[in-house]
């Protein structure tokens, strides 16, 4: 099991675990928000989930309220919004910070493994995406403007690799 799979995370229901249940899967980890200009990307994220789930792929959504207070709801409100508005079926976790002293350990790891432009580690906005291969290696970081379906080819290549 790789380092990423042992990093602690908090589920939407508040229970503590790690990502060991995701070991062997290709992951697209995204900091999400319900009231952002990029919120319609939930539709593309869910389309990727539906297209590749049977191939050992999952989107993991981590709500974050650090950018323009665009994720003000609690876990139940977030889940309700995502379910009713975008029929989200991929896992949503507890609201986290992605930057600063209180940044979730997962995001500290992702940022160090795949820095942004000019080596900057800070997450710039909601819907920054990290693609992780089956071995738990962070393959690539995508800007918020990158539409989920624009990552399809990279996901296809990773899920085609042996489990």
C-alpha atoms as a PDB file:
ATOM      1  CA  UNK A   1       0.000   0.000   0.000  1.00  0.00           C
ATOM      2  CA  UNK A   2       1.352   3.442  -0.902  1.00  0.00           C
ATOM      3  CA  UNK A   3       1.646   6.495   1.312  1.00  0.00           C
ATOM      4  CA  UNK A   4      -1.510   8.127  -0.061  1.00  0.00           C
ATOM      5  CA  UNK A   5      -3.617   5.152   0.984  1.00  0.00           C
ATOM      6  CA  UNK A   6      -2.564   5.484   4.638  1.00  0.00           C
ATOM      7  CA  UNK A   7      -3.292   9.217   4.957  1.00  0.00           C
ATOM      8  CA  UNK A   8      -6.149   9.882   7.394  1.00  0.00           C
ATOM      9  CA  UNK A   9      -9.398  11.287   5.994  1.00  0.00           C
ATOM     10  CA  UNK A  10     -12.770  12.107   7.488  1.00  0.00           C
ATOM     11  CA  UNK A  11     -15.907  10.767   5.831  1.00  0.00           C
ATOM     12  CA  UNK A  12     -18.943  12.999   5.377  1.00  0.00           C
ATOM     13  CA  UNK A  13     -20.541  11.295   8.389  1.00  0.00           C
ATOM     14  CA  UNK A  14     -17.577  12.309  10.562  1.00  0.00           C
ATOM     15  CA  UNK A  15     -16.024   8.860  10.831  1.00  0.00           C
ATOM     16  CA  UNK A  16     -12.250   8.618  10.569  1.00  0.00           C
ATOM     17  CA  UNK A  17     -10.499   6.297   8.146  1.00  0.00           C
ATOM     18  CA  UNK A  18      -7.861   6.356   5.445  1.00  0.00           C
ATOM     19  CA  UNK A  19      -7.867   5.701   1.730  1.00  0.00           C
ATOM     20  CA  UNK A  20      -6.844   2.031   2.008  1.00  0.00           C
ATOM     21  CA  UNK A  21     -10.203   1.027   0.531  1.00  0.00           C
ATOM     22  CA  UNK A  22      -9.164   2.940  -2.611  1.00  0.00           C
ATOM     23  CA  UNK A  23      -5.878   1.027  -3.036  1.00  0.00           C
ATOM     24  CA  UNK A  24      -5.557  -0.368  -6.546  1.00  0.00           C
ATOM     25  CA  UNK A  25      -7.926   2.216  -8.021  1.00  0.00           C
ATOM     26  CA  UNK A  26      -7.227   5.158 -10.279  1.00  0.00           C
ATOM     27  CA  UNK A  27      -8.401   8.257  -8.424  1.00  0.00           C
ATOM     28  CA  UNK A  28      -9.367  11.790  -9.357  1.00  0.00           C
ATOM     29  CA  UNK A  29      -9.257  13.817  -6.134  1.00  0.00           C
ATOM     30  CA  UNK A  30     -11.031  17.161  -6.292  1.00  0.00           C
ATOM     31  CA  UNK A  31     -11.700  20.003  -3.848  1.00  0.00           C
ATOM     32  CA  UNK A  32     -15.340  20.851  -4.551  1.00  0.00           C
ATOM     33  CA  UNK A  33     -17.802  23.626  -3.708  1.00  0.00           C
ATOM     34  CA  UNK A  34     -21.543  24.045  -4.237  1.00  0.00           C
ATOM     35  CA  UNK A  35     -21.688  27.763  -4.994  1.00  0.00           C
ATOM     36  CA  UNK A  36     -18.745  28.221  -7.352  1.00  0.00           C
ATOM     37  CA  UNK A  37     -18.632  29.144 -11.018  1.00  0.00           C
ATOM     38  CA  UNK A  38     -17.042  25.716 -11.562  1.00  0.00           C
ATOM     39  CA  UNK A  39     -19.794  23.841  -9.676  1.00  0.00           C
ATOM     40  CA  UNK A  40     -21.324  22.561 -12.949  1.00  0.00           C
ATOM     41  CA  UNK A  41     -18.167  20.419 -13.220  1.00  0.00           C
ATOM     42  CA  UNK A  42     -19.958  18.021 -10.863  1.00  0.00           C
ATOM     43  CA  UNK A  43     -21.778  16.826 -13.995  1.00  0.00           C
ATOM     44  CA  UNK A  44     -18.508  15.937 -15.740  1.00  0.00           C
ATOM     45  CA  UNK A  45     -17.047  14.394 -12.595  1.00  0.00           C
ATOM     46  CA  UNK A  46     -20.089  12.161 -12.245  1.00  0.00           C
ATOM     47  CA  UNK A  47     -19.883  11.244 -15.950  1.00  0.00           C
ATOM     48  CA  UNK A  48     -16.293  10.093 -15.398  1.00  0.00           C
ATOM     49  CA  UNK A  49     -17.371   8.134 -12.321  1.00  0.00           C
ATOM     50  CA  UNK A  50     -20.092   6.355 -14.277  1.00  0.00           C
ATOM     51  CA  UNK A  51     -17.887   5.677 -17.292  1.00  0.00           C
ATOM     52  CA  UNK A  52     -14.875   4.261 -15.442  1.00  0.00           C
ATOM     53  CA  UNK A  53     -16.078   2.926 -12.062  1.00  0.00           C
ATOM     54  CA  UNK A  54     -16.248  -0.645 -13.343  1.00  0.00           C
ATOM     55  CA  UNK A  55     -12.609  -0.296 -14.462  1.00  0.00           C
ATOM     56  CA  UNK A  56     -11.392   0.510 -10.957  1.00  0.00           C
ATOM     57  CA  UNK A  57     -11.704   4.305 -10.980  1.00  0.00           C
ATOM     58  CA  UNK A  58     -13.239   6.727  -8.520  1.00  0.00           C
ATOM     59  CA  UNK A  59     -13.673  10.444  -8.113  1.00  0.00           C
ATOM     60  CA  UNK A  60     -13.183  11.563  -4.506  1.00  0.00           C
ATOM     61  CA  UNK A  61     -14.766  14.903  -3.596  1.00  0.00           C
ATOM     62  CA  UNK A  62     -13.487  17.012  -0.716  1.00  0.00           C
ATOM     63  CA  UNK A  63     -15.712  20.032  -0.032  1.00  0.00           C
ATOM     64  CA  UNK A  64     -13.776  23.186   0.820  1.00  0.00           C
ATOM     65  CA  UNK A  65     -14.979  26.612   1.943  1.00  0.00           C
ATOM     66  CA  UNK A  66     -11.632  28.437   1.643  1.00  0.00           C
ATOM     67  CA  UNK A  67     -12.336  30.181  -1.649  1.00  0.00           C
ATOM     68  CA  UNK A  68     -14.976  32.899  -1.517  1.00  0.00           C
ATOM     69  CA  UNK A  69     -16.954  30.974   1.138  1.00  0.00           C
ATOM     70  CA  UNK A  70     -18.462  28.972  -1.740  1.00  0.00           C
ATOM     71  CA  UNK A  71     -19.135  25.842   0.323  1.00  0.00           C
ATOM     72  CA  UNK A  72     -21.037  27.151   3.354  1.00  0.00           C
ATOM     73  CA  UNK A  73     -23.247  24.123   4.024  1.00  0.00           C
ATOM     74  CA  UNK A  74     -22.776  21.246   6.415  1.00  0.00           C
ATOM     75  CA  UNK A  75     -22.188  17.679   5.250  1.00  0.00           C
ATOM     76  CA  UNK A  76     -25.911  16.882   4.938  1.00  0.00           C
ATOM     77  CA  UNK A  77     -26.613  20.037   2.910  1.00  0.00           C
ATOM     78  CA  UNK A  78     -23.649  19.367   0.628  1.00  0.00           C
ATOM     79  CA  UNK A  79     -24.678  15.736   0.046  1.00  0.00           C
ATOM     80  CA  UNK A  80     -28.280  16.755  -0.587  1.00  0.00           C
ATOM     81  CA  UNK A  81     -27.258  19.452  -3.085  1.00  0.00           C
ATOM     82  CA  UNK A  82     -24.901  17.098  -4.944  1.00  0.00           C
ATOM     83  CA  UNK A  83     -27.432  14.287  -5.062  1.00  0.00           C
ATOM     84  CA  UNK A  84     -30.430  16.355  -6.119  1.00  0.00           C
ATOM     85  CA  UNK A  85     -28.673  18.722  -8.516  1.00  0.00           C
ATOM     86  CA  UNK A  86     -26.044  16.500 -10.126  1.00  0.00           C
ATOM     87  CA  UNK A  87     -26.969  12.916  -9.102  1.00  0.00           C
ATOM     88  CA  UNK A  88     -23.485  12.547  -7.616  1.00  0.00           C
ATOM     89  CA  UNK A  89     -22.669   8.936  -6.800  1.00  0.00           C
ATOM     90  CA  UNK A  90     -18.943   9.276  -6.056  1.00  0.00           C
ATOM     91  CA  UNK A  91     -17.691   9.575  -2.467  1.00  0.00           C
ATOM     92  CA  UNK A  92     -17.887  12.981  -0.805  1.00  0.00           C
ATOM     93  CA  UNK A  93     -15.864  13.519   2.335  1.00  0.00           C
ATOM     94  CA  UNK A  94     -16.054  15.988   5.224  1.00  0.00           C
ATOM     95  CA  UNK A  95     -15.350  19.636   4.516  1.00  0.00           C
ATOM     96  CA  UNK A  96     -11.620  20.398   4.709  1.00  0.00           C
ATOM     97  CA  UNK A  97      -9.044  23.133   4.289  1.00  0.00           C
ATOM     98  CA  UNK A  98      -6.661  22.618   1.383  1.00  0.00           C
ATOM     99  CA  UNK A  99      -4.264  25.485   2.202  1.00  0.00           C
ATOM    100  CA  UNK A 100      -2.769  26.967   5.331  1.00  0.00           C
ATOM    101  CA  UNK A 101      -1.867  25.605   8.747  1.00  0.00           C
ATOM    102  CA  UNK A 102      -5.070  23.552   8.951  1.00  0.00           C
ATOM    103  CA  UNK A 103      -4.724  21.956   5.509  1.00  0.00           C
ATOM    104  CA  UNK A 104      -5.847  18.337   5.471  1.00  0.00           C
ATOM    105  CA  UNK A 105      -2.905  15.891   5.419  1.00  0.00           C
ATOM    106  CA  UNK A 106      -4.129  14.492   2.099  1.00  0.00           C
ATOM    107  CA  UNK A 107      -3.892  17.894   0.447  1.00  0.00           C
ATOM    108  CA  UNK A 108      -0.488  18.630   1.966  1.00  0.00           C
ATOM    109  CA  UNK A 109       0.678  15.397   0.364  1.00  0.00           C
ATOM    110  CA  UNK A 110      -0.993  16.000  -3.012  1.00  0.00           C
ATOM    111  CA  UNK A 111       0.436  19.523  -3.263  1.00  0.00           C
ATOM    112  CA  UNK A 112       3.959  18.352  -2.465  1.00  0.00           C
ATOM    113  CA  UNK A 113       3.756  15.518  -5.016  1.00  0.00           C
ATOM    114  CA  UNK A 114       2.291  17.638  -7.827  1.00  0.00           C
ATOM    115  CA  UNK A 115       3.063  21.337  -7.426  1.00  0.00           C
ATOM    116  CA  UNK A 116       1.272  23.887  -9.566  1.00  0.00           C
ATOM    117  CA  UNK A 117       2.670  26.529 -11.883  1.00  0.00           C
ATOM    118  CA  UNK A 118       6.213  27.637 -11.125  1.00  0.00           C
ATOM    119  CA  UNK A 119       6.392  25.098  -8.314  1.00  0.00           C
ATOM    120  CA  UNK A 120       3.665  26.749  -6.257  1.00  0.00           C
ATOM    121  CA  UNK A 121       2.031  24.283  -3.911  1.00  0.00           C
ATOM    122  CA  UNK A 122      -0.997  26.367  -2.941  1.00  0.00           C
ATOM    123  CA  UNK A 123      -4.363  25.383  -4.318  1.00  0.00           C
ATOM    124  CA  UNK A 124      -5.618  28.405  -6.252  1.00  0.00           C
ATOM    125  CA  UNK A 125      -9.369  27.702  -6.287  1.00  0.00           C
ATOM    126  CA  UNK A 126     -12.143  25.137  -6.076  1.00  0.00           C
ATOM    127  CA  UNK A 127     -12.123  22.183  -8.472  1.00  0.00           C
ATOM    128  CA  UNK A 128      -8.365  21.704  -8.612  1.00  0.00           C
ATOM    129  CA  UNK A 129      -7.936  18.065  -9.594  1.00  0.00           C
ATOM    130  CA  UNK A 130      -5.248  15.457  -8.846  1.00  0.00           C
ATOM    131  CA  UNK A 131      -5.009  12.241 -10.874  1.00  0.00           C
ATOM    132  CA  UNK A 132      -3.561   9.268  -8.958  1.00  0.00           C
ATOM    133  CA  UNK A 133      -2.591   5.943 -10.522  1.00  0.00           C
ATOM    134  CA  UNK A 134      -3.361   2.463  -9.181  1.00  0.00           C
ATOM    135  CA  UNK A 135      -0.075   2.364  -7.256  1.00  0.00           C
ATOM    136  CA  UNK A 136      -0.960   5.586  -5.435  1.00  0.00           C
ATOM    137  CA  UNK A 137       1.420   7.823  -7.387  1.00  0.00           C
ATOM    138  CA  UNK A 138       0.170  11.357  -8.022  1.00  0.00           C
ATOM    139  CA  UNK A 139       0.373  11.549 -11.808  1.00  0.00           C
ATOM    140  CA  UNK A 140      -0.830  15.056 -12.574  1.00  0.00           C
ATOM    141  CA  UNK A 141      -2.447  18.187 -11.168  1.00  0.00           C
ATOM    142  CA  UNK A 142      -5.133  19.990 -13.174  1.00  0.00           C
ATOM    143  CA  UNK A 143      -6.253  23.601 -12.844  1.00  0.00           C
ATOM    144  CA  UNK A 144      -9.832  24.409 -11.857  1.00  0.00           C
ATOM    145  CA  UNK A 145     -10.564  25.477 -15.436  1.00  0.00           C
ATOM    146  CA  UNK A 146      -9.756  21.994 -16.754  1.00  0.00           C
ATOM    147  CA  UNK A 147     -13.063  20.335 -17.476  1.00  0.00           C
ATOM    148  CA  UNK A 148     -13.367  16.811 -16.094  1.00  0.00           C
ATOM    149  CA  UNK A 149     -14.102  15.285 -19.504  1.00  0.00           C
ATOM    150  CA  UNK A 150     -10.837  16.801 -20.822  1.00  0.00           C
ATOM    151  CA  UNK A 151      -9.027  14.308 -18.552  1.00  0.00           C
ATOM    152  CA  UNK A 152     -10.734  11.286 -20.154  1.00  0.00           C
ATOM    153  CA  UNK A 153      -7.726  10.140 -22.215  1.00  0.00           C
ATOM    154  CA  UNK A 154      -5.381  10.208 -19.208  1.00  0.00           C
ATOM    155  CA  UNK A 155      -7.904   8.209 -17.169  1.00  0.00           C
ATOM    156  CA  UNK A 156      -8.383   5.698 -20.000  1.00  0.00           C
ATOM    157  CA  UNK A 157      -4.619   5.137 -20.150  1.00  0.00           C
ATOM    158  CA  UNK A 158      -4.381   4.571 -16.381  1.00  0.00           C
ATOM    159  CA  UNK A 159      -7.370   2.233 -16.064  1.00  0.00           C
ATOM    160  CA  UNK A 160      -6.018   0.179 -18.974  1.00  0.00           C
ATOM    161  CA  UNK A 161      -2.951  -0.677 -16.882  1.00  0.00           C
ATOM    162  CA  UNK A 162      -3.099  -4.008 -15.036  1.00  0.00           C
ATOM    163  CA  UNK A 163      -4.643  -4.055 -11.567  1.00  0.00           C
END
